[in-house]
Amino acid sequence: MQKDIGMTPSVFDVILRKVVWELGGRTPEPVFLFRRLLTLVAQMPKTAPHMSGAAIDLSVLDRTSGVEVDRGGPYLEMSELTPMDSPFVSPLARRNRQEITAILREGGFVEYPFEFWHYGSGEVFEECVRRTGRPARYGAVDFDAATGRVTPIEEPEKPLNSLEEIQAEIQAAVDRRQ
């Protein structure tokens, strides 16, 4: 699932449009887009919190109305609103993000600065943020839904998507716009 999520046209095209805008209309080189994808979706199993089962993405609903609490955008918002400390969200959204983060910190989670919905514990990012010098408690695994079997990723340093695959998806996204 992690290999495919960033390459899904509905996600990839949004990210590519933002990058093209940032580059003043230029189409990025695959390595540039690879680096951007690293912050938004899993690209490297060794450092991908979801691939170790050590991260959660969450939405918070108001218990009386059932409406999602305002955090500046919906889950999987891919824009300038996405970073945890985005200066483009309302004061209410910022306060909600801070309160949710405080609660999760009490539970031992750390927030991911690039996505307001993402928190983790026991993974590589947490050890880096806390500067413990220890390896992550959990490593990347592959889950086979058909068998229910969980196995370690054989080459956790190998990117999930190659530069060639990213280049092909850039071209496909350009073709979809025409």
N, C-alpha and C. Protein backbone atom coordinates (compact mmCIF):
# COMPACT_ATOMS: atom_id res chain seq x y z
N MET A 1 0.82 -1.19 0.00
CA MET A 1 0.00 0.00 0.00
C MET A 1 0.87 1.25 0.00
N GLN A 2 1.92 1.27 0.83
CA GLN A 2 2.77 2.45 0.91
C GLN A 2 3.47 2.73 -0.41
N LYS A 3 3.85 1.69 -1.13
CA LYS A 3 4.51 1.88 -2.42
C LYS A 3 3.59 2.62 -3.39
N ASP A 4 2.32 2.29 -3.34
CA ASP A 4 1.38 2.81 -4.32
C ASP A 4 0.77 4.15 -3.94
N ILE A 5 0.67 4.47 -2.67
CA ILE A 5 -0.11 5.66 -2.27
C ILE A 5 0.44 6.95 -2.88
N GLY A 6 1.74 7.12 -2.89
CA GLY A 6 2.30 8.34 -3.46
C GLY A 6 2.22 8.41 -4.97
N MET A 7 2.06 7.26 -5.59
CA MET A 7 2.00 7.20 -7.05
C MET A 7 0.55 7.19 -7.56
N THR A 8 -0.41 7.18 -6.64
CA THR A 8 -1.82 7.24 -7.02
C THR A 8 -2.07 8.60 -7.68
N PRO A 9 -2.66 8.62 -8.86
CA PRO A 9 -2.85 9.91 -9.55
C PRO A 9 -3.49 11.00 -8.69
N SER A 10 -4.48 10.66 -7.88
CA SER A 10 -5.14 11.69 -7.08
C SER A 10 -4.20 12.33 -6.07
N VAL A 11 -3.18 11.61 -5.62
CA VAL A 11 -2.18 12.16 -4.69
C VAL A 11 -1.01 12.75 -5.47
N PHE A 12 -0.47 11.98 -6.40
CA PHE A 12 0.72 12.40 -7.15
C PHE A 12 0.47 13.71 -7.89
N ASP A 13 -0.68 13.82 -8.54
CA ASP A 13 -0.96 15.02 -9.34
C ASP A 13 -1.02 16.27 -8.47
N VAL A 14 -1.58 16.16 -7.28
CA VAL A 14 -1.64 17.31 -6.37
C VAL A 14 -0.23 17.73 -5.96
N ILE A 15 0.58 16.75 -5.59
CA ILE A 15 1.96 17.05 -5.18
C ILE A 15 2.73 17.66 -6.35
N LEU A 16 2.60 17.07 -7.52
CA LEU A 16 3.30 17.60 -8.69
C LEU A 16 2.87 19.03 -9.01
N ARG A 17 1.56 19.31 -8.96
CA ARG A 17 1.09 20.68 -9.23
C ARG A 17 1.70 21.68 -8.26
N LYS A 18 1.79 21.31 -6.98
CA LYS A 18 2.39 22.20 -5.98
C LYS A 18 3.86 22.43 -6.27
N VAL A 19 4.57 21.37 -6.63
CA VAL A 19 6.00 21.49 -6.92
C VAL A 19 6.22 22.33 -8.17
N VAL A 20 5.43 22.12 -9.21
CA VAL A 20 5.55 22.91 -10.43
C VAL A 20 5.30 24.38 -10.10
N TRP A 21 4.30 24.67 -9.28
CA TRP A 21 4.04 26.04 -8.86
C TRP A 21 5.24 26.62 -8.11
N GLU A 22 5.80 25.83 -7.18
CA GLU A 22 6.97 26.28 -6.41
C GLU A 22 8.16 26.57 -7.31
N LEU A 23 8.29 25.82 -8.40
CA LEU A 23 9.41 25.97 -9.32
C LEU A 23 9.11 26.97 -10.44
N GLY A 24 8.08 27.76 -10.27
CA GLY A 24 7.76 28.78 -11.26
C GLY A 24 7.31 28.24 -12.60
N GLY A 25 6.66 27.08 -12.58
CA GLY A 25 6.13 26.49 -13.80
C GLY A 25 6.99 25.40 -14.40
N ARG A 26 8.18 25.20 -13.87
CA ARG A 26 9.07 24.15 -14.40
C ARG A 26 8.66 22.77 -13.88
N THR A 27 8.77 21.78 -14.72
CA THR A 27 8.56 20.39 -14.30
C THR A 27 9.80 19.92 -13.56
N PRO A 28 9.63 19.33 -12.37
CA PRO A 28 10.80 18.93 -11.58
C PRO A 28 11.50 17.70 -12.14
N GLU A 29 12.76 17.59 -11.80
CA GLU A 29 13.50 16.37 -12.07
C GLU A 29 12.97 15.28 -11.13
N PRO A 30 13.04 14.02 -11.51
CA PRO A 30 12.54 12.95 -10.65
C PRO A 30 13.14 12.95 -9.24
N VAL A 31 14.44 13.26 -9.11
CA VAL A 31 15.06 13.25 -7.79
C VAL A 31 14.46 14.33 -6.88
N PHE A 32 14.10 15.47 -7.45
CA PHE A 32 13.46 16.54 -6.68
C PHE A 32 12.11 16.06 -6.16
N LEU A 33 11.33 15.46 -7.05
CA LEU A 33 10.01 14.96 -6.63
C LEU A 33 10.15 13.81 -5.65
N PHE A 34 11.15 12.96 -5.84
CA PHE A 34 11.41 11.87 -4.89
C PHE A 34 11.61 12.44 -3.48
N ARG A 35 12.41 13.49 -3.38
CA ARG A 35 12.66 14.10 -2.06
C ARG A 35 11.40 14.69 -1.48
N ARG A 36 10.58 15.31 -2.30
CA ARG A 36 9.32 15.85 -1.79
C ARG A 36 8.40 14.72 -1.32
N LEU A 37 8.34 13.66 -2.11
CA LEU A 37 7.51 12.52 -1.73
C LEU A 37 7.97 11.91 -0.40
N LEU A 38 9.29 11.98 -0.13
CA LEU A 38 9.81 11.45 1.14
C LEU A 38 9.14 12.07 2.35
N THR A 39 8.76 13.34 2.26
CA THR A 39 8.15 14.01 3.41
C THR A 39 6.66 13.75 3.51
N LEU A 40 6.04 13.30 2.42
CA LEU A 40 4.58 13.16 2.41
C LEU A 40 4.08 11.73 2.35
N VAL A 41 4.83 10.83 1.77
CA VAL A 41 4.42 9.42 1.70
C VAL A 41 5.66 8.56 1.87
N ALA A 42 5.46 7.32 2.21
CA ALA A 42 6.59 6.42 2.41
C ALA A 42 7.35 6.22 1.10
N GLN A 43 8.64 6.40 1.15
CA GLN A 43 9.50 6.13 0.00
C GLN A 43 10.65 5.21 0.39
N MET A 44 11.08 5.31 1.64
CA MET A 44 12.20 4.50 2.13
C MET A 44 11.71 3.67 3.31
N PRO A 45 11.57 2.36 3.16
CA PRO A 45 11.04 1.53 4.24
C PRO A 45 11.75 1.72 5.58
N LYS A 46 13.05 1.91 5.55
CA LYS A 46 13.81 2.02 6.80
C LYS A 46 13.34 3.20 7.65
N THR A 47 12.91 4.26 7.01
CA THR A 47 12.51 5.45 7.76
C THR A 47 11.02 5.75 7.65
N ALA A 48 10.23 4.83 7.13
CA ALA A 48 8.80 5.04 6.94
C ALA A 48 8.02 4.52 8.15
N PRO A 49 7.56 5.42 9.01
CA PRO A 49 6.88 4.99 10.24
C PRO A 49 5.69 4.05 10.03
N HIS A 50 4.89 4.30 9.00
CA HIS A 50 3.73 3.43 8.78
C HIS A 50 4.15 2.01 8.44
N MET A 51 5.29 1.86 7.83
CA MET A 51 5.74 0.53 7.42
C MET A 51 6.24 -0.30 8.60
N SER A 52 6.39 0.33 9.75
CA SER A 52 6.78 -0.41 10.94
C SER A 52 5.59 -0.59 11.89
N GLY A 53 4.45 -0.06 11.51
CA GLY A 53 3.28 -0.14 12.38
C GLY A 53 3.40 0.77 13.58
N ALA A 54 4.29 1.78 13.49
CA ALA A 54 4.58 2.64 14.64
C ALA A 54 4.01 4.05 14.48
N ALA A 55 3.13 4.24 13.52
CA ALA A 55 2.56 5.58 13.29
C ALA A 55 1.06 5.47 13.12
N ILE A 56 0.41 6.57 13.45
CA ILE A 56 -1.03 6.66 13.24
C ILE A 56 -1.34 7.96 12.51
N ASP A 57 -2.34 7.91 11.68
CA ASP A 57 -2.91 9.10 11.07
C ASP A 57 -4.29 9.23 11.70
N LEU A 58 -4.62 10.43 12.16
CA LEU A 58 -5.90 10.52 12.84
C LEU A 58 -6.68 11.76 12.49
N SER A 59 -7.98 11.59 12.61
CA SER A 59 -8.93 12.69 12.53
C SER A 59 -9.62 12.71 13.88
N VAL A 60 -10.08 13.87 14.28
CA VAL A 60 -10.76 14.02 15.56
C VAL A 60 -12.14 14.59 15.29
N LEU A 61 -13.14 13.92 15.85
CA LEU A 61 -14.52 14.36 15.67
C LEU A 61 -15.06 14.95 16.95
N ASP A 62 -15.88 15.98 16.82
CA ASP A 62 -16.59 16.55 17.96
C ASP A 62 -17.60 15.51 18.43
N ARG A 63 -17.55 15.17 19.71
CA ARG A 63 -18.39 14.06 20.18
C ARG A 63 -19.88 14.37 20.14
N THR A 64 -20.27 15.63 20.20
CA THR A 64 -21.70 15.94 20.16
C THR A 64 -22.24 16.06 18.74
N SER A 65 -21.47 16.66 17.85
CA SER A 65 -21.97 16.87 16.49
C SER A 65 -21.51 15.80 15.51
N GLY A 66 -20.40 15.13 15.82
CA GLY A 66 -19.84 14.15 14.89
C GLY A 66 -19.07 14.79 13.75
N VAL A 67 -18.92 16.11 13.80
CA VAL A 67 -18.20 16.85 12.76
C VAL A 67 -16.70 16.85 13.09
N GLU A 68 -15.89 16.74 12.05
CA GLU A 68 -14.43 16.75 12.25
C GLU A 68 -14.00 18.10 12.84
N VAL A 69 -13.13 18.03 13.83
CA VAL A 69 -12.58 19.23 14.47
C VAL A 69 -11.73 19.97 13.45
N ASP A 70 -11.85 21.28 13.40
CA ASP A 70 -11.10 22.10 12.45
C ASP A 70 -9.61 22.07 12.78
N ARG A 71 -8.83 21.52 11.85
CA ARG A 71 -7.37 21.53 11.99
C ARG A 71 -6.74 22.21 10.79
N GLY A 72 -7.55 22.92 10.01
CA GLY A 72 -7.03 23.66 8.88
C GLY A 72 -7.21 22.97 7.55
N GLY A 73 -7.67 21.76 7.56
CA GLY A 73 -7.90 21.01 6.33
C GLY A 73 -8.29 19.59 6.67
N PRO A 74 -8.80 18.86 5.71
CA PRO A 74 -9.17 17.47 5.95
C PRO A 74 -7.95 16.55 5.93
N TYR A 75 -8.13 15.34 6.41
CA TYR A 75 -7.10 14.31 6.34
C TYR A 75 -6.63 14.20 4.88
N LEU A 76 -5.34 14.08 4.72
CA LEU A 76 -4.65 14.01 3.44
C LEU A 76 -4.71 15.30 2.63
N GLU A 77 -4.90 16.42 3.31
CA GLU A 77 -4.76 17.72 2.67
C GLU A 77 -3.32 17.83 2.17
N MET A 78 -3.14 18.12 0.91
CA MET A 78 -1.80 18.25 0.34
C MET A 78 -1.62 19.67 -0.16
N SER A 79 -1.31 20.57 0.76
CA SER A 79 -1.15 21.97 0.37
C SER A 79 -0.29 22.67 1.41
N GLU A 80 -0.27 23.99 1.33
CA GLU A 80 0.47 24.78 2.31
C GLU A 80 -0.16 24.67 3.71
N LEU A 81 -1.34 24.07 3.80
CA LEU A 81 -2.00 23.86 5.09
C LEU A 81 -1.51 22.58 5.78
N THR A 82 -0.82 21.72 5.06
CA THR A 82 -0.45 20.40 5.56
C THR A 82 0.57 20.41 6.70
N PRO A 83 1.64 21.20 6.65
CA PRO A 83 2.62 21.14 7.76
C PRO A 83 1.98 21.47 9.11
N MET A 84 2.44 20.78 10.14
CA MET A 84 1.90 20.96 11.48
C MET A 84 1.90 22.43 11.90
N ASP A 85 2.97 23.15 11.60
CA ASP A 85 3.09 24.55 12.01
C ASP A 85 2.79 25.52 10.86
N SER A 86 1.90 25.15 9.97
CA SER A 86 1.57 26.01 8.84
C SER A 86 1.11 27.38 9.32
N PRO A 87 1.68 28.44 8.76
CA PRO A 87 1.22 29.79 9.13
C PRO A 87 -0.08 30.17 8.42
N PHE A 88 -0.60 29.29 7.57
CA PHE A 88 -1.77 29.61 6.76
C PHE A 88 -3.09 29.08 7.33
N VAL A 89 -3.05 28.48 8.53
CA VAL A 89 -4.30 28.00 9.13
C VAL A 89 -4.83 29.02 10.12
N SER A 90 -6.09 28.92 10.42
CA SER A 90 -6.74 29.86 11.34
C SER A 90 -6.22 29.67 12.77
N PRO A 91 -6.40 30.66 13.62
CA PRO A 91 -6.01 30.50 15.03
C PRO A 91 -6.71 29.31 15.69
N LEU A 92 -7.98 29.07 15.34
CA LEU A 92 -8.70 27.92 15.91
C LEU A 92 -8.06 26.61 15.47
N ALA A 93 -7.75 26.48 14.20
CA ALA A 93 -7.12 25.26 13.68
C ALA A 93 -5.76 25.05 14.36
N ARG A 94 -5.00 26.12 14.51
CA ARG A 94 -3.68 26.03 15.16
C ARG A 94 -3.84 25.55 16.61
N ARG A 95 -4.80 26.14 17.32
CA ARG A 95 -5.03 25.74 18.71
C ARG A 95 -5.47 24.27 18.79
N ASN A 96 -6.34 23.84 17.88
CA ASN A 96 -6.77 22.44 17.88
C ASN A 96 -5.59 21.51 17.62
N ARG A 97 -4.73 21.87 16.69
CA ARG A 97 -3.54 21.06 16.42
C ARG A 97 -2.67 20.97 17.67
N GLN A 98 -2.48 22.10 18.32
CA GLN A 98 -1.64 22.12 19.53
C GLN A 98 -2.24 21.29 20.65
N GLU A 99 -3.54 21.37 20.84
CA GLU A 99 -4.19 20.59 21.91
C GLU A 99 -4.14 19.10 21.63
N ILE A 100 -4.40 18.70 20.40
CA ILE A 100 -4.32 17.29 20.02
C ILE A 100 -2.90 16.79 20.20
N THR A 101 -1.94 17.58 19.78
CA THR A 101 -0.53 17.20 19.92
C THR A 101 -0.15 17.05 21.39
N ALA A 102 -0.59 17.95 22.24
CA ALA A 102 -0.28 17.86 23.67
C ALA A 102 -0.82 16.57 24.27
N ILE A 103 -2.03 16.20 23.90
CA ILE A 103 -2.63 14.96 24.41
C ILE A 103 -1.83 13.75 23.93
N LEU A 104 -1.47 13.74 22.67
CA LEU A 104 -0.72 12.60 22.13
C LEU A 104 0.70 12.55 22.70
N ARG A 105 1.30 13.68 22.94
CA ARG A 105 2.62 13.68 23.58
C ARG A 105 2.56 13.03 24.96
N GLU A 106 1.49 13.32 25.70
CA GLU A 106 1.32 12.69 27.02
C GLU A 106 1.27 11.17 26.89
N GLY A 107 0.76 10.69 25.77
CA GLY A 107 0.69 9.26 25.52
C GLY A 107 1.96 8.68 24.92
N GLY A 108 3.00 9.51 24.78
CA GLY A 108 4.28 9.02 24.28
C GLY A 108 4.49 9.15 22.79
N PHE A 109 3.61 9.85 22.09
CA PHE A 109 3.75 10.03 20.65
C PHE A 109 4.47 11.33 20.33
N VAL A 110 5.11 11.37 19.16
CA VAL A 110 5.69 12.61 18.65
C VAL A 110 4.95 12.97 17.36
N GLU A 111 4.82 14.26 17.14
CA GLU A 111 4.14 14.71 15.93
C GLU A 111 5.12 14.74 14.77
N TYR A 112 4.58 14.54 13.59
CA TYR A 112 5.37 14.61 12.37
C TYR A 112 5.18 16.01 11.82
N PRO A 113 6.24 16.79 11.64
CA PRO A 113 6.08 18.21 11.29
C PRO A 113 5.49 18.47 9.91
N PHE A 114 5.49 17.49 9.02
CA PHE A 114 5.06 17.71 7.65
C PHE A 114 3.59 17.36 7.39
N GLU A 115 2.91 16.75 8.40
CA GLU A 115 1.51 16.37 8.25
C GLU A 115 0.80 16.57 9.58
N PHE A 116 -0.25 17.37 9.61
CA PHE A 116 -0.91 17.68 10.88
C PHE A 116 -1.68 16.50 11.47
N TRP A 117 -1.85 15.44 10.75
CA TRP A 117 -2.63 14.30 11.22
C TRP A 117 -1.76 13.12 11.67
N HIS A 118 -0.46 13.21 11.56
CA HIS A 118 0.44 12.06 11.71
C HIS A 118 1.23 12.11 13.02
N TYR A 119 1.20 11.02 13.77
CA TYR A 119 1.93 10.88 15.04
C TYR A 119 2.56 9.49 15.09
N GLY A 120 3.67 9.38 15.79
CA GLY A 120 4.34 8.09 15.87
C GLY A 120 5.00 7.84 17.21
N SER A 121 5.34 6.58 17.43
CA SER A 121 6.05 6.17 18.63
C SER A 121 6.78 4.87 18.34
N GLY A 122 8.06 4.84 18.65
CA GLY A 122 8.84 3.63 18.46
C GLY A 122 9.51 3.50 17.11
N GLU A 123 9.42 4.54 16.29
CA GLU A 123 10.00 4.48 14.95
C GLU A 123 11.21 5.40 14.83
N VAL A 124 11.86 5.35 13.70
CA VAL A 124 13.09 6.09 13.46
C VAL A 124 12.92 7.59 13.71
N PHE A 125 11.84 8.17 13.21
CA PHE A 125 11.64 9.61 13.38
C PHE A 125 11.61 9.99 14.85
N GLU A 126 10.93 9.20 15.68
CA GLU A 126 10.87 9.52 17.11
C GLU A 126 12.27 9.54 17.73
N GLU A 127 13.07 8.56 17.42
CA GLU A 127 14.42 8.50 17.99
C GLU A 127 15.26 9.69 17.55
N CYS A 128 15.06 10.15 16.31
CA CYS A 128 15.76 11.34 15.84
C CYS A 128 15.28 12.59 16.57
N VAL A 129 13.97 12.74 16.70
CA VAL A 129 13.42 13.92 17.37
C VAL A 129 13.87 13.97 18.83
N ARG A 130 13.83 12.83 19.49
CA ARG A 130 14.20 12.78 20.91
C ARG A 130 15.72 12.74 21.12
N ARG A 131 16.46 12.56 20.02
CA ARG A 131 17.93 12.51 20.06
C ARG A 131 18.46 11.51 21.08
N THR A 132 17.89 10.31 21.01
CA THR A 132 18.28 9.27 21.97
C THR A 132 19.55 8.54 21.58
N GLY A 133 19.86 8.54 20.28
CA GLY A 133 21.01 7.77 19.81
C GLY A 133 20.71 6.28 19.71
N ARG A 134 19.50 5.89 20.03
CA ARG A 134 19.11 4.48 19.96
C ARG A 134 18.48 4.17 18.60
N PRO A 135 18.54 2.91 18.20
CA PRO A 135 17.81 2.53 16.99
C PRO A 135 16.31 2.50 17.30
N ALA A 136 15.52 2.55 16.26
CA ALA A 136 14.07 2.49 16.43
C ALA A 136 13.67 1.15 17.02
N ARG A 137 12.62 1.17 17.81
CA ARG A 137 12.09 -0.06 18.40
C ARG A 137 11.48 -0.95 17.32
N TYR A 138 10.85 -0.33 16.31
CA TYR A 138 10.16 -1.09 15.27
C TYR A 138 10.81 -0.83 13.92
N GLY A 139 10.90 -1.86 13.11
CA GLY A 139 11.46 -1.74 11.77
C GLY A 139 10.41 -2.03 10.71
N ALA A 140 10.77 -1.77 9.47
CA ALA A 140 9.84 -1.93 8.35
C ALA A 140 9.48 -3.39 8.12
N VAL A 141 8.20 -3.61 7.93
CA VAL A 141 7.70 -4.95 7.66
C VAL A 141 6.75 -4.92 6.47
N ASP A 142 6.53 -6.09 5.90
CA ASP A 142 5.57 -6.24 4.82
C ASP A 142 4.43 -7.10 5.36
N PHE A 143 3.21 -6.65 5.12
CA PHE A 143 2.03 -7.38 5.55
C PHE A 143 1.34 -7.95 4.33
N ASP A 144 1.16 -9.26 4.29
CA ASP A 144 0.46 -9.92 3.20
C ASP A 144 -0.99 -10.11 3.64
N ALA A 145 -1.88 -9.30 3.09
CA ALA A 145 -3.29 -9.33 3.49
C ALA A 145 -3.94 -10.68 3.19
N ALA A 146 -3.49 -11.36 2.16
CA ALA A 146 -4.09 -12.63 1.78
C ALA A 146 -3.81 -13.72 2.81
N THR A 147 -2.60 -13.70 3.38
CA THR A 147 -2.22 -14.76 4.33
C THR A 147 -2.18 -14.29 5.77
N GLY A 148 -2.17 -12.96 5.96
CA GLY A 148 -2.04 -12.41 7.32
C GLY A 148 -0.61 -12.46 7.83
N ARG A 149 0.32 -12.81 6.98
CA ARG A 149 1.71 -12.97 7.38
C ARG A 149 2.45 -11.63 7.38
N VAL A 150 3.26 -11.41 8.41
CA VAL A 150 4.09 -10.22 8.53
C VAL A 150 5.55 -10.65 8.47
N THR A 151 6.31 -10.05 7.55
CA THR A 151 7.73 -10.39 7.41
C THR A 151 8.55 -9.11 7.33
N PRO A 152 9.79 -9.15 7.82
CA PRO A 152 10.66 -7.97 7.70
C PRO A 152 10.93 -7.64 6.24
N ILE A 153 11.07 -6.36 5.94
CA ILE A 153 11.45 -5.93 4.60
C ILE A 153 12.91 -6.33 4.40
N GLU A 154 13.19 -7.03 3.32
CA GLU A 154 14.54 -7.55 3.06
C GLU A 154 15.58 -6.45 2.86
N GLU A 155 15.24 -5.41 2.10
CA GLU A 155 16.16 -4.32 1.80
C GLU A 155 15.52 -3.00 2.23
N PRO A 156 15.54 -2.67 3.52
CA PRO A 156 14.84 -1.47 3.99
C PRO A 156 15.43 -0.16 3.47
N GLU A 157 16.68 -0.18 2.94
CA GLU A 157 17.28 1.04 2.39
C GLU A 157 16.90 1.26 0.93
N LYS A 158 16.26 0.28 0.30
CA LYS A 158 15.89 0.38 -1.12
C LYS A 158 14.58 1.17 -1.23
N PRO A 159 14.57 2.23 -2.06
CA PRO A 159 13.35 3.02 -2.22
C PRO A 159 12.19 2.17 -2.75
N LEU A 160 11.00 2.51 -2.30
CA LEU A 160 9.81 1.80 -2.79
C LEU A 160 9.53 2.12 -4.25
N ASN A 161 9.82 3.35 -4.64
CA ASN A 161 9.59 3.78 -6.02
C ASN A 161 10.90 4.31 -6.59
N SER A 162 11.28 3.77 -7.73
CA SER A 162 12.53 4.17 -8.37
C SER A 162 12.37 5.53 -9.04
N LEU A 163 13.50 6.15 -9.37
CA LEU A 163 13.47 7.41 -10.11
C LEU A 163 12.81 7.22 -11.48
N GLU A 164 13.00 6.04 -12.06
CA GLU A 164 12.37 5.75 -13.36
C GLU A 164 10.84 5.70 -13.22
N GLU A 165 10.36 5.09 -12.14
CA GLU A 165 8.91 5.04 -11.90
C GLU A 165 8.35 6.45 -11.66
N ILE A 166 9.10 7.25 -10.93
CA ILE A 166 8.66 8.62 -10.67
C ILE A 166 8.65 9.43 -11.95
N GLN A 167 9.67 9.26 -12.79
CA GLN A 167 9.71 9.95 -14.09
C GLN A 167 8.51 9.55 -14.93
N ALA A 168 8.20 8.26 -14.95
CA ALA A 168 7.06 7.78 -15.74
C ALA A 168 5.75 8.38 -15.20
N GLU A 169 5.64 8.51 -13.89
CA GLU A 169 4.41 9.08 -13.32
C GLU A 169 4.34 10.59 -13.56
N ILE A 170 5.49 11.27 -13.58
CA ILE A 170 5.49 12.69 -13.94
C ILE A 170 4.94 12.84 -15.35
N GLN A 171 5.43 12.01 -16.27
CA GLN A 171 4.95 12.09 -17.66
C GLN A 171 3.47 11.76 -17.74
N ALA A 172 3.03 10.75 -16.99
CA ALA A 172 1.60 10.38 -16.99
C ALA A 172 0.75 11.52 -16.46
N ALA A 173 1.25 12.21 -15.42
CA ALA A 173 0.50 13.34 -14.85
C ALA A 173 0.43 14.48 -15.85
N VAL A 174 1.53 14.74 -16.56
CA VAL A 174 1.53 15.78 -17.60
C VAL A 174 0.51 15.42 -18.68
N ASP A 175 0.51 14.16 -19.09
CA ASP A 175 -0.45 13.71 -20.11
C ASP A 175 -1.89 13.83 -19.63
N ARG A 176 -2.13 13.56 -18.35
CA ARG A 176 -3.50 13.68 -17.80
C ARG A 176 -3.99 15.12 -17.83
N ARG A 177 -3.07 16.08 -17.71
CA ARG A 177 -3.45 17.51 -17.72
C ARG A 177 -3.83 17.99 -19.12
N GLN A 178 -3.40 17.28 -20.14
CA GLN A 178 -3.64 17.75 -21.52
C GLN A 178 -4.98 17.31 -22.03
